[in-house]
Full PDB file with SEQRES, HELIX, SHEET, SSBOND, CRYST1, ORIGX, SCALE, CONECT and MASTER records, all heavy atoms in Angstrom:
SEQRES   1 A   42  GLN ARG SER ASN TRP GLY THR GLY LEU LYS ALA GLU PHE          
SEQRES   2 A   42  ASN LYS ILE ILE TRP PRO LEU LYS GLU GLN LEU ALA LYS          
SEQRES   3 A   42  GLU THR GLY ALA VAL VAL ALA ALA SER VAL VAL LEU GLY          
SEQRES   4 A   42  VAL ILE ILE                                                  
HELIX    1 AA1 ARG A    2  LYS A   15  1                                  14    
HELIX    2 AA2 LYS A   21  ILE A   41  1                                  21    
CRYST1    1.000    1.000    1.000  90.00  90.00  90.00 P 1           1          
ORIGX1      1.000000  0.000000  0.000000        0.00000                         
ORIGX2      0.000000  1.000000  0.000000        0.00000                         
ORIGX3      0.000000  0.000000  1.000000        0.00000                         
SCALE1      1.000000  0.000000  0.000000        0.00000                         
SCALE2      0.000000  1.000000  0.000000        0.00000                         
SCALE3      0.000000  0.000000  1.000000        0.00000                         
ATOM      1  N   GLN A   1      41.292  71.081 145.850  1.00  0.00           N  
ATOM      2  CA  GLN A   1      40.914  72.255 144.971  1.00  0.00           C  
ATOM      3  C   GLN A   1      41.004  73.543 145.708  1.00  0.00           C  
ATOM      4  O   GLN A   1      41.519  74.524 145.236  1.00  0.00           O  
ATOM      5  CB  GLN A   1      39.519  72.053 144.412  1.00  0.00           C  
ATOM      6  CG  GLN A   1      39.333  70.967 143.371  1.00  0.00           C  
ATOM      7  CD  GLN A   1      37.933  70.829 142.926  1.00  0.00           C  
ATOM      8  OE1 GLN A   1      37.009  71.319 143.501  1.00  0.00           O  
ATOM      9  NE2 GLN A   1      37.759  70.045 141.862  1.00  0.00           N  
ATOM     10  N   ARG A   2      40.576  73.550 146.961  1.00  0.00           N  
ATOM     11  CA  ARG A   2      40.666  74.834 147.763  1.00  0.00           C  
ATOM     12  C   ARG A   2      42.098  75.176 148.035  1.00  0.00           C  
ATOM     13  O   ARG A   2      42.469  76.340 147.977  1.00  0.00           O  
ATOM     14  CB  ARG A   2      39.940  74.610 149.119  1.00  0.00           C  
ATOM     15  CG  ARG A   2      38.421  74.668 148.906  1.00  0.00           C  
ATOM     16  CD  ARG A   2      37.787  74.525 150.303  1.00  0.00           C  
ATOM     17  NE  ARG A   2      36.332  74.446 150.135  1.00  0.00           N  
ATOM     18  CZ  ARG A   2      35.505  74.074 151.094  1.00  0.00           C  
ATOM     19  NH1 ARG A   2      35.969  73.638 152.226  1.00  0.00           N  
ATOM     20  NH2 ARG A   2      34.208  74.039 150.856  1.00  0.00           N  
ATOM     21  N   SER A   3      42.915  74.196 148.358  1.00  0.00           N  
ATOM     22  CA  SER A   3      44.343  74.396 148.602  1.00  0.00           C  
ATOM     23  C   SER A   3      45.022  74.947 147.322  1.00  0.00           C  
ATOM     24  O   SER A   3      45.835  75.852 147.448  1.00  0.00           O  
ATOM     25  CB  SER A   3      44.978  73.097 149.076  1.00  0.00           C  
ATOM     26  OG  SER A   3      46.316  73.257 149.210  1.00  0.00           O  
ATOM     27  N   ASN A   4      44.718  74.319 146.195  1.00  0.00           N  
ATOM     28  CA  ASN A   4      45.290  74.765 144.912  1.00  0.00           C  
ATOM     29  C   ASN A   4      44.923  76.192 144.571  1.00  0.00           C  
ATOM     30  O   ASN A   4      45.658  76.995 144.063  1.00  0.00           O  
ATOM     31  CB  ASN A   4      44.927  73.830 143.831  1.00  0.00           C  
ATOM     32  CG  ASN A   4      45.651  72.516 143.904  1.00  0.00           C  
ATOM     33  OD1 ASN A   4      46.649  72.349 144.573  1.00  0.00           O  
ATOM     34  ND2 ASN A   4      45.107  71.479 143.232  1.00  0.00           N  
ATOM     35  N   TRP A   5      43.625  76.477 144.883  1.00  0.00           N  
ATOM     36  CA  TRP A   5      43.103  77.816 144.605  1.00  0.00           C  
ATOM     37  C   TRP A   5      43.869  78.832 145.465  1.00  0.00           C  
ATOM     38  O   TRP A   5      44.238  79.896 145.032  1.00  0.00           O  
ATOM     39  CB  TRP A   5      41.602  77.855 144.852  1.00  0.00           C  
ATOM     40  CG  TRP A   5      40.967  79.229 144.576  1.00  0.00           C  
ATOM     41  CD1 TRP A   5      40.641  79.718 143.371  1.00  0.00           C  
ATOM     42  CD2 TRP A   5      40.746  80.236 145.560  1.00  0.00           C  
ATOM     43  NE1 TRP A   5      40.107  80.991 143.535  1.00  0.00           N  
ATOM     44  CE2 TRP A   5      40.173  81.319 144.851  1.00  0.00           C  
ATOM     45  CE3 TRP A   5      40.835  80.286 146.945  1.00  0.00           C  
ATOM     46  CZ2 TRP A   5      39.767  82.485 145.446  1.00  0.00           C  
ATOM     47  CZ3 TRP A   5      40.468  81.494 147.550  1.00  0.00           C  
ATOM     48  CH2 TRP A   5      39.951  82.568 146.867  1.00  0.00           C  
ATOM     49  N   GLY A   6      43.937  78.519 146.753  1.00  0.00           N  
ATOM     50  CA  GLY A   6      44.633  79.431 147.744  1.00  0.00           C  
ATOM     51  C   GLY A   6      46.094  79.634 147.291  1.00  0.00           C  
ATOM     52  O   GLY A   6      46.649  80.743 147.367  1.00  0.00           O  
ATOM     53  N   THR A   7      46.803  78.537 146.884  1.00  0.00           N  
ATOM     54  CA  THR A   7      48.165  78.655 146.491  1.00  0.00           C  
ATOM     55  C   THR A   7      48.313  79.481 145.215  1.00  0.00           C  
ATOM     56  O   THR A   7      49.180  80.352 145.152  1.00  0.00           O  
ATOM     57  CB  THR A   7      48.736  77.260 146.214  1.00  0.00           C  
ATOM     58  OG1 THR A   7      48.588  76.429 147.404  1.00  0.00           O  
ATOM     59  CG2 THR A   7      50.194  77.300 145.883  1.00  0.00           C  
ATOM     60  N   GLY A   8      47.377  79.287 144.234  1.00  0.00           N  
ATOM     61  CA  GLY A   8      47.373  80.133 143.066  1.00  0.00           C  
ATOM     62  C   GLY A   8      47.105  81.535 143.331  1.00  0.00           C  
ATOM     63  O   GLY A   8      47.741  82.443 142.702  1.00  0.00           O  
ATOM     64  N   LEU A   9      46.178  81.829 144.186  1.00  0.00           N  
ATOM     65  CA  LEU A   9      45.834  83.202 144.585  1.00  0.00           C  
ATOM     66  C   LEU A   9      47.070  83.914 145.184  1.00  0.00           C  
ATOM     67  O   LEU A   9      47.411  85.028 144.841  1.00  0.00           O  
ATOM     68  CB  LEU A   9      44.675  83.262 145.537  1.00  0.00           C  
ATOM     69  CG  LEU A   9      44.161  84.608 145.918  1.00  0.00           C  
ATOM     70  CD1 LEU A   9      43.615  85.318 144.704  1.00  0.00           C  
ATOM     71  CD2 LEU A   9      43.058  84.476 147.010  1.00  0.00           C  
ATOM     72  N   LYS A  10      47.739  83.202 146.095  1.00  0.00           N  
ATOM     73  CA  LYS A  10      48.932  83.784 146.729  1.00  0.00           C  
ATOM     74  C   LYS A  10      49.997  84.019 145.680  1.00  0.00           C  
ATOM     75  O   LYS A  10      50.677  85.073 145.738  1.00  0.00           O  
ATOM     76  CB  LYS A  10      49.442  82.838 147.784  1.00  0.00           C  
ATOM     77  CG  LYS A  10      50.581  83.409 148.592  1.00  0.00           C  
ATOM     78  CD  LYS A  10      50.998  82.508 149.721  1.00  0.00           C  
ATOM     79  CE  LYS A  10      52.190  83.141 150.496  1.00  0.00           C  
ATOM     80  NZ  LYS A  10      52.588  82.245 151.612  1.00  0.00           N  
ATOM     81  N   ALA A  11      50.211  83.164 144.720  1.00  0.00           N  
ATOM     82  CA  ALA A  11      51.167  83.294 143.719  1.00  0.00           C  
ATOM     83  C   ALA A  11      50.874  84.531 142.819  1.00  0.00           C  
ATOM     84  O   ALA A  11      51.780  85.307 142.489  1.00  0.00           O  
ATOM     85  CB  ALA A  11      51.272  82.088 142.855  1.00  0.00           C  
ATOM     86  N   GLU A  12      49.597  84.705 142.528  1.00  0.00           N  
ATOM     87  CA  GLU A  12      49.212  85.870 141.731  1.00  0.00           C  
ATOM     88  C   GLU A  12      49.420  87.171 142.467  1.00  0.00           C  
ATOM     89  O   GLU A  12      49.862  88.199 141.896  1.00  0.00           O  
ATOM     90  CB  GLU A  12      47.715  85.790 141.280  1.00  0.00           C  
ATOM     91  CG  GLU A  12      47.523  84.689 140.256  1.00  0.00           C  
ATOM     92  CD  GLU A  12      48.258  84.873 138.979  1.00  0.00           C  
ATOM     93  OE1 GLU A  12      48.392  86.050 138.471  1.00  0.00           O  
ATOM     94  OE2 GLU A  12      48.819  83.869 138.466  1.00  0.00           O  
ATOM     95  N   PHE A  13      49.089  87.202 143.798  1.00  0.00           N  
ATOM     96  CA  PHE A  13      49.311  88.411 144.597  1.00  0.00           C  
ATOM     97  C   PHE A  13      50.791  88.736 144.645  1.00  0.00           C  
ATOM     98  O   PHE A  13      51.205  89.928 144.750  1.00  0.00           O  
ATOM     99  CB  PHE A  13      48.715  88.265 146.000  1.00  0.00           C  
ATOM    100  CG  PHE A  13      47.342  88.825 146.084  1.00  0.00           C  
ATOM    101  CD1 PHE A  13      46.212  87.997 145.970  1.00  0.00           C  
ATOM    102  CD2 PHE A  13      47.181  90.174 146.336  1.00  0.00           C  
ATOM    103  CE1 PHE A  13      44.959  88.507 146.087  1.00  0.00           C  
ATOM    104  CE2 PHE A  13      45.859  90.722 146.435  1.00  0.00           C  
ATOM    105  CZ  PHE A  13      44.753  89.893 146.311  1.00  0.00           C  
ATOM    106  N   ASN A  14      51.661  87.767 144.650  1.00  0.00           N  
ATOM    107  CA  ASN A  14      53.105  88.000 144.681  1.00  0.00           C  
ATOM    108  C   ASN A  14      53.587  88.656 143.401  1.00  0.00           C  
ATOM    109  O   ASN A  14      54.659  89.213 143.387  1.00  0.00           O  
ATOM    110  CB  ASN A  14      53.883  86.694 145.003  1.00  0.00           C  
ATOM    111  CG  ASN A  14      53.719  86.295 146.427  1.00  0.00           C  
ATOM    112  OD1 ASN A  14      53.446  87.113 147.280  1.00  0.00           O  
ATOM    113  ND2 ASN A  14      53.845  84.944 146.691  1.00  0.00           N  
ATOM    114  N   LYS A  15      52.866  88.515 142.321  1.00  0.00           N  
ATOM    115  CA  LYS A  15      53.261  89.056 141.056  1.00  0.00           C  
ATOM    116  C   LYS A  15      52.910  90.563 140.916  1.00  0.00           C  
ATOM    117  O   LYS A  15      53.423  91.234 140.029  1.00  0.00           O  
ATOM    118  CB  LYS A  15      52.541  88.318 139.878  1.00  0.00           C  
ATOM    119  CG  LYS A  15      53.080  86.893 139.682  1.00  0.00           C  
ATOM    120  CD  LYS A  15      52.259  86.263 138.550  1.00  0.00           C  
ATOM    121  CE  LYS A  15      52.580  84.802 138.374  1.00  0.00           C  
ATOM    122  NZ  LYS A  15      51.808  84.169 137.297  1.00  0.00           N  
ATOM    123  N   ILE A  16      52.020  91.026 141.805  1.00  0.00           N  
ATOM    124  CA  ILE A  16      51.648  92.428 141.720  1.00  0.00           C  
ATOM    125  C   ILE A  16      52.749  93.369 142.071  1.00  0.00           C  
ATOM    126  O   ILE A  16      53.456  93.155 143.049  1.00  0.00           O  
ATOM    127  CB  ILE A  16      50.435  92.620 142.685  1.00  0.00           C  
ATOM    128  CG1 ILE A  16      49.242  91.808 142.237  1.00  0.00           C  
ATOM    129  CG2 ILE A  16      50.075  94.149 142.694  1.00  0.00           C  
ATOM    130  CD1 ILE A  16      48.054  91.891 143.281  1.00  0.00           C  
ATOM    131  N   ILE A  17      52.914  94.396 141.228  1.00  0.00           N  
ATOM    132  CA  ILE A  17      53.901  95.425 141.504  1.00  0.00           C  
ATOM    133  C   ILE A  17      53.139  96.638 141.960  1.00  0.00           C  
ATOM    134  O   ILE A  17      52.445  97.308 141.187  1.00  0.00           O  
ATOM    135  CB  ILE A  17      54.712  95.779 140.242  1.00  0.00           C  
ATOM    136  CG1 ILE A  17      55.422  94.556 139.746  1.00  0.00           C  
ATOM    137  CG2 ILE A  17      55.631  96.940 140.494  1.00  0.00           C  
ATOM    138  CD1 ILE A  17      56.142  94.738 138.438  1.00  0.00           C  
ATOM    139  N   TRP A  18      53.173  96.923 143.284  1.00  0.00           N  
ATOM    140  CA  TRP A  18      52.406  98.025 143.840  1.00  0.00           C  
ATOM    141  C   TRP A  18      53.125  99.321 143.613  1.00  0.00           C  
ATOM    142  O   TRP A  18      54.346  99.437 143.643  1.00  0.00           O  
ATOM    143  CB  TRP A  18      52.248  97.805 145.340  1.00  0.00           C  
ATOM    144  CG  TRP A  18      51.438  96.563 145.674  1.00  0.00           C  
ATOM    145  CD1 TRP A  18      51.996  95.404 146.055  1.00  0.00           C  
ATOM    146  CD2 TRP A  18      50.055  96.372 145.584  1.00  0.00           C  
ATOM    147  NE1 TRP A  18      51.018  94.464 146.240  1.00  0.00           N  
ATOM    148  CE2 TRP A  18      49.810  95.008 145.925  1.00  0.00           C  
ATOM    149  CE3 TRP A  18      49.027  97.180 145.206  1.00  0.00           C  
ATOM    150  CZ2 TRP A  18      48.523  94.470 145.947  1.00  0.00           C  
ATOM    151  CZ3 TRP A  18      47.741  96.695 145.233  1.00  0.00           C  
ATOM    152  CH2 TRP A  18      47.491  95.356 145.571  1.00  0.00           C  
ATOM    153  N   PRO A  19      52.410 100.427 143.248  1.00  0.00           N  
ATOM    154  CA  PRO A  19      53.046 101.716 142.994  1.00  0.00           C  
ATOM    155  C   PRO A  19      53.555 102.328 144.240  1.00  0.00           C  
ATOM    156  O   PRO A  19      53.128 102.108 145.349  1.00  0.00           O  
ATOM    157  CB  PRO A  19      51.911 102.532 142.374  1.00  0.00           C  
ATOM    158  CG  PRO A  19      50.674 101.891 142.906  1.00  0.00           C  
ATOM    159  CD  PRO A  19      50.974 100.465 143.063  1.00  0.00           C  
ATOM    160  N   LEU A  20      54.616 103.201 144.104  1.00  0.00           N  
ATOM    161  CA  LEU A  20      55.136 103.968 145.210  1.00  0.00           C  
ATOM    162  C   LEU A  20      54.161 105.014 145.580  1.00  0.00           C  
ATOM    163  O   LEU A  20      53.270 105.456 144.719  1.00  0.00           O  
ATOM    164  CB  LEU A  20      56.469 104.509 144.834  1.00  0.00           C  
ATOM    165  CG  LEU A  20      57.615 103.589 144.408  1.00  0.00           C  
ATOM    166  CD1 LEU A  20      58.825 104.368 143.900  1.00  0.00           C  
ATOM    167  CD2 LEU A  20      57.910 102.691 145.558  1.00  0.00           C  
ATOM    168  N   LYS A  21      54.252 105.513 146.815  1.00  0.00           N  
ATOM    169  CA  LYS A  21      53.281 106.603 147.276  1.00  0.00           C  
ATOM    170  C   LYS A  21      53.413 107.808 146.386  1.00  0.00           C  
ATOM    171  O   LYS A  21      52.361 108.442 146.074  1.00  0.00           O  
ATOM    172  CB  LYS A  21      53.603 106.900 148.738  1.00  0.00           C  
ATOM    173  CG  LYS A  21      53.173 105.882 149.761  1.00  0.00           C  
ATOM    174  CD  LYS A  21      53.391 106.314 151.163  1.00  0.00           C  
ATOM    175  CE  LYS A  21      52.944 105.252 152.111  1.00  0.00           C  
ATOM    176  NZ  LYS A  21      53.157 105.714 153.504  1.00  0.00           N  
ATOM    177  N   GLU A  22      54.587 108.155 145.999  1.00  0.00           N  
ATOM    178  CA  GLU A  22      54.748 109.394 145.160  1.00  0.00           C  
ATOM    179  C   GLU A  22      54.148 109.250 143.858  1.00  0.00           C  
ATOM    180  O   GLU A  22      53.390 110.151 143.341  1.00  0.00           O  
ATOM    181  CB  GLU A  22      56.290 109.729 144.939  1.00  0.00           C  
ATOM    182  CG  GLU A  22      56.966 110.089 146.231  1.00  0.00           C  
ATOM    183  CD  GLU A  22      57.426 108.819 147.050  1.00  0.00           C  
ATOM    184  OE1 GLU A  22      57.458 107.674 146.494  1.00  0.00           O  
ATOM    185  OE2 GLU A  22      57.733 108.995 148.233  1.00  0.00           O  
ATOM    186  N   GLN A  23      54.288 108.079 143.200  1.00  0.00           N  
ATOM    187  CA  GLN A  23      53.712 107.767 141.877  1.00  0.00           C  
ATOM    188  C   GLN A  23      52.135 107.765 142.042  1.00  0.00           C  
ATOM    189  O   GLN A  23      51.462 108.336 141.170  1.00  0.00           O  
ATOM    190  CB  GLN A  23      54.190 106.442 141.390  1.00  0.00           C  
ATOM    191  CG  GLN A  23      53.604 106.054 140.043  1.00  0.00           C  
ATOM    192  CD  GLN A  23      54.063 104.702 139.550  1.00  0.00           C  
ATOM    193  OE1 GLN A  23      54.701 103.987 140.312  1.00  0.00           O  
ATOM    194  NE2 GLN A  23      53.670 104.371 138.346  1.00  0.00           N  
ATOM    195  N   LEU A  24      51.638 107.155 143.051  1.00  0.00           N  
ATOM    196  CA  LEU A  24      50.215 107.081 143.311  1.00  0.00           C  
ATOM    197  C   LEU A  24      49.619 108.453 143.535  1.00  0.00           C  
ATOM    198  O   LEU A  24      48.588 108.860 143.000  1.00  0.00           O  
ATOM    199  CB  LEU A  24      49.887 106.200 144.495  1.00  0.00           C  
ATOM    200  CG  LEU A  24      48.453 105.939 144.819  1.00  0.00           C  
ATOM    201  CD1 LEU A  24      47.801 105.221 143.665  1.00  0.00           C  
ATOM    202  CD2 LEU A  24      48.342 105.146 146.108  1.00  0.00           C  
ATOM    203  N   ALA A  25      50.333 109.380 144.255  1.00  0.00           N  
ATOM    204  CA  ALA A  25      49.867 110.676 144.553  1.00  0.00           C  
ATOM    205  C   ALA A  25      49.821 111.494 143.212  1.00  0.00           C  
ATOM    206  O   ALA A  25      48.890 112.224 142.979  1.00  0.00           O  
ATOM    207  CB  ALA A  25      50.800 111.377 145.571  1.00  0.00           C  
ATOM    208  N   LYS A  26      50.884 111.352 142.382  1.00  0.00           N  
ATOM    209  CA  LYS A  26      50.878 112.092 141.116  1.00  0.00           C  
ATOM    210  C   LYS A  26      49.795 111.614 140.168  1.00  0.00           C  
ATOM    211  O   LYS A  26      49.058 112.474 139.528  1.00  0.00           O  
ATOM    212  CB  LYS A  26      52.254 111.827 140.405  1.00  0.00           C  
ATOM    213  CG  LYS A  26      53.400 112.579 141.015  1.00  0.00           C  
ATOM    214  CD  LYS A  26      54.675 112.303 140.237  1.00  0.00           C  
ATOM    215  CE  LYS A  26      55.868 112.953 140.927  1.00  0.00           C  
ATOM    216  NZ  LYS A  26      57.134 112.666 140.218  1.00  0.00           N  
ATOM    217  N   GLU A  27      49.558 110.341 140.059  1.00  0.00           N  
ATOM    218  CA  GLU A  27      48.522 109.864 139.206  1.00  0.00           C  
ATOM    219  C   GLU A  27      47.156 110.196 139.722  1.00  0.00           C  
ATOM    220  O   GLU A  27      46.250 110.557 138.963  1.00  0.00           O  
ATOM    221  CB  GLU A  27      48.663 108.359 139.013  1.00  0.00           C  
ATOM    222  CG  GLU A  27      49.916 107.922 138.271  1.00  0.00           C  
ATOM    223  CD  GLU A  27      50.093 106.425 138.232  1.00  0.00           C  
ATOM    224  OE1 GLU A  27      49.265 105.649 138.818  1.00  0.00           O  
ATOM    225  OE2 GLU A  27      51.128 106.021 137.631  1.00  0.00           O  
ATOM    226  N   THR A  28      46.990 110.207 141.060  1.00  0.00           N  
ATOM    227  CA  THR A  28      45.668 110.615 141.614  1.00  0.00           C  
ATOM    228  C   THR A  28      45.416 112.112 141.309  1.00  0.00           C  
ATOM    229  O   THR A  28      44.318 112.481 140.990  1.00  0.00           O  
ATOM    230  CB  THR A  28      45.648 110.358 143.110  1.00  0.00           C  
ATOM    231  OG1 THR A  28      45.888 108.919 143.338  1.00  0.00           O  
ATOM    232  CG2 THR A  28      44.342 110.769 143.763  1.00  0.00           C  
ATOM    233  N   GLY A  29      46.451 112.898 141.532  1.00  0.00           N  
ATOM    234  CA  GLY A  29      46.357 114.360 141.195  1.00  0.00           C  
ATOM    235  C   GLY A  29      45.927 114.562 139.716  1.00  0.00           C  
ATOM    236  O   GLY A  29      45.173 115.472 139.388  1.00  0.00           O  
ATOM    237  N   ALA A  30      46.585 113.813 138.838  1.00  0.00           N  
ATOM    238  CA  ALA A  30      46.282 113.961 137.393  1.00  0.00           C  
ATOM    239  C   ALA A  30      44.830 113.614 137.123  1.00  0.00           C  
ATOM    240  O   ALA A  30      44.124 114.284 136.349  1.00  0.00           O  
ATOM    241  CB  ALA A  30      47.185 113.092 136.590  1.00  0.00           C  
ATOM    242  N   VAL A  31      44.351 112.551 137.754  1.00  0.00           N  
ATOM    243  CA  VAL A  31      42.935 112.139 137.520  1.00  0.00           C  
ATOM    244  C   VAL A  31      41.995 113.198 138.076  1.00  0.00           C  
ATOM    245  O   VAL A  31      41.002 113.560 137.461  1.00  0.00           O  
ATOM    246  CB  VAL A  31      42.627 110.785 138.187  1.00  0.00           C  
ATOM    247  CG1 VAL A  31      41.147 110.452 138.194  1.00  0.00           C  
ATOM    248  CG2 VAL A  31      43.400 109.727 137.458  1.00  0.00           C  
ATOM    249  N   VAL A  32      42.281 113.728 139.318  1.00  0.00           N  
ATOM    250  CA  VAL A  32      41.425 114.743 139.856  1.00  0.00           C  
ATOM    251  C   VAL A  32      41.403 116.006 139.023  1.00  0.00           C  
ATOM    252  O   VAL A  32      40.409 116.606 138.717  1.00  0.00           O  
ATOM    253  CB  VAL A  32      41.908 115.043 141.332  1.00  0.00           C  
ATOM    254  CG1 VAL A  32      41.128 116.297 141.870  1.00  0.00           C  
ATOM    255  CG2 VAL A  32      41.607 113.872 142.198  1.00  0.00           C  
ATOM    256  N   ALA A  33      42.647 116.421 138.570  1.00  0.00           N  
ATOM    257  CA  ALA A  33      42.651 117.622 137.718  1.00  0.00           C  
ATOM    258  C   ALA A  33      41.974 117.420 136.389  1.00  0.00           C  
ATOM    259  O   ALA A  33      41.210 118.369 135.984  1.00  0.00           O  
ATOM    260  CB  ALA A  33      44.162 117.932 137.426  1.00  0.00           C  
ATOM    261  N   ALA A  34      42.129 116.314 135.766  1.00  0.00           N  
ATOM    262  CA  ALA A  34      41.440 116.031 134.531  1.00  0.00           C  
ATOM    263  C   ALA A  34      39.854 116.041 134.753  1.00  0.00           C  
ATOM    264  O   ALA A  34      39.133 116.538 133.907  1.00  0.00           O  
ATOM    265  CB  ALA A  34      41.855 114.724 133.916  1.00  0.00           C  
ATOM    266  N   SER A  35      39.440 115.491 135.881  1.00  0.00           N  
ATOM    267  CA  SER A  35      38.048 115.448 136.161  1.00  0.00           C  
ATOM    268  C   SER A  35      37.484 116.878 136.377  1.00  0.00           C  
ATOM    269  O   SER A  35      36.417 117.195 135.926  1.00  0.00           O  
ATOM    270  CB  SER A  35      37.789 114.598 137.383  1.00  0.00           C  
ATOM    271  OG  SER A  35      38.176 113.278 137.187  1.00  0.00           O  
ATOM    272  N   VAL A  36      38.190 117.722 137.054  1.00  0.00           N  
ATOM    273  CA  VAL A  36      37.781 119.075 137.317  1.00  0.00           C  
ATOM    274  C   VAL A  36      37.717 119.821 135.985  1.00  0.00           C  
ATOM    275  O   VAL A  36      36.762 120.573 135.747  1.00  0.00           O  
ATOM    276  CB  VAL A  36      38.698 119.773 138.364  1.00  0.00           C  
ATOM    277  CG1 VAL A  36      38.426 121.253 138.372  1.00  0.00           C  
ATOM    278  CG2 VAL A  36      38.570 119.147 139.695  1.00  0.00           C  
ATOM    279  N   VAL A  37      38.711 119.715 135.172  1.00  0.00           N  
ATOM    280  CA  VAL A  37      38.774 120.423 133.858  1.00  0.00           C  
ATOM    281  C   VAL A  37      37.585 119.960 133.032  1.00  0.00           C  
ATOM    282  O   VAL A  37      36.914 120.797 132.409  1.00  0.00           O  
ATOM    283  CB  VAL A  37      40.125 120.225 133.154  1.00  0.00           C  
ATOM    284  CG1 VAL A  37      40.022 120.705 131.730  1.00  0.00           C  
ATOM    285  CG2 VAL A  37      41.213 120.907 133.925  1.00  0.00           C  
ATOM    286  N   LEU A  38      37.400 118.686 132.910  1.00  0.00           N  
ATOM    287  CA  LEU A  38      36.280 118.160 132.117  1.00  0.00           C  
ATOM    288  C   LEU A  38      34.950 118.619 132.735  1.00  0.00           C  
ATOM    289  O   LEU A  38      34.044 118.974 131.929  1.00  0.00           O  
ATOM    290  CB  LEU A  38      36.329 116.610 132.127  1.00  0.00           C  
ATOM    291  CG  LEU A  38      35.328 115.939 131.141  1.00  0.00           C  
ATOM    292  CD1 LEU A  38      35.542 116.411 129.746  1.00  0.00           C  
ATOM    293  CD2 LEU A  38      35.485 114.476 131.281  1.00  0.00           C  
ATOM    294  N   GLY A  39      34.806 118.708 133.998  1.00  0.00           N  
ATOM    295  CA  GLY A  39      33.567 119.202 134.632  1.00  0.00           C  
ATOM    296  C   GLY A  39      33.308 120.613 134.332  1.00  0.00           C  
ATOM    297  O   GLY A  39      32.175 121.035 134.055  1.00  0.00           O  
ATOM    298  N   VAL A  40      34.357 121.429 134.319  1.00  0.00           N  
ATOM    299  CA  VAL A  40      34.227 122.810 133.949  1.00  0.00           C  
ATOM    300  C   VAL A  40      33.821 123.018 132.498  1.00  0.00           C  
ATOM    301  O   VAL A  40      32.934 123.806 132.120  1.00  0.00           O  
ATOM    302  CB  VAL A  40      35.478 123.634 134.262  1.00  0.00           C  
ATOM    303  CG1 VAL A  40      35.489 125.043 133.630  1.00  0.00           C  
ATOM    304  CG2 VAL A  40      35.734 123.682 135.784  1.00  0.00           C  
ATOM    305  N   ILE A  41      34.413 122.209 131.632  1.00  0.00           N  
ATOM    306  CA  ILE A  41      34.099 122.284 130.169  1.00  0.00           C  
ATOM    307  C   ILE A  41      32.625 121.839 129.955  1.00  0.00           C  
ATOM    308  O   ILE A  41      31.890 122.570 129.227  1.00  0.00           O  
ATOM    309  CB  ILE A  41      35.057 121.383 129.348  1.00  0.00           C  
ATOM    310  CG1 ILE A  41      36.433 121.968 129.383  1.00  0.00           C  
ATOM    311  CG2 ILE A  41      34.511 121.186 127.917  1.00  0.00           C  
ATOM    312  CD1 ILE A  41      37.497 121.066 128.761  1.00  0.00           C  
ATOM    313  N   ILE A  42      32.167 120.822 130.603  1.00  0.00           N  
ATOM    314  CA  ILE A  42      30.804 120.461 130.500  1.00  0.00           C  
ATOM    315  C   ILE A  42      29.848 121.460 131.022  1.00  0.00           C  
ATOM    316  O   ILE A  42      28.835 121.761 130.421  1.00  0.00           O  
ATOM    317  CB  ILE A  42      30.565 119.028 131.174  1.00  0.00           C  
ATOM    318  CG1 ILE A  42      31.311 117.933 130.333  1.00  0.00           C  
ATOM    319  CG2 ILE A  42      29.122 118.701 131.279  1.00  0.00           C  
ATOM    320  CD1 ILE A  42      31.339 116.589 131.058  1.00  0.00           C  
TER     321      ILE A  42                                                      
MASTER        0    0    0    2    0    0    0    6  320    1    0    4          
END                                                                             
């Protein structure tokens, strides 16, 4: 069971599509900007 669990976990991690650094930076900037704007409105 442990072996099957480890194999399954590795298979799931191989399915992950990690974002590029540029995409991650843009999305992080958008979240920060939206948070600041919402904070100012509140």
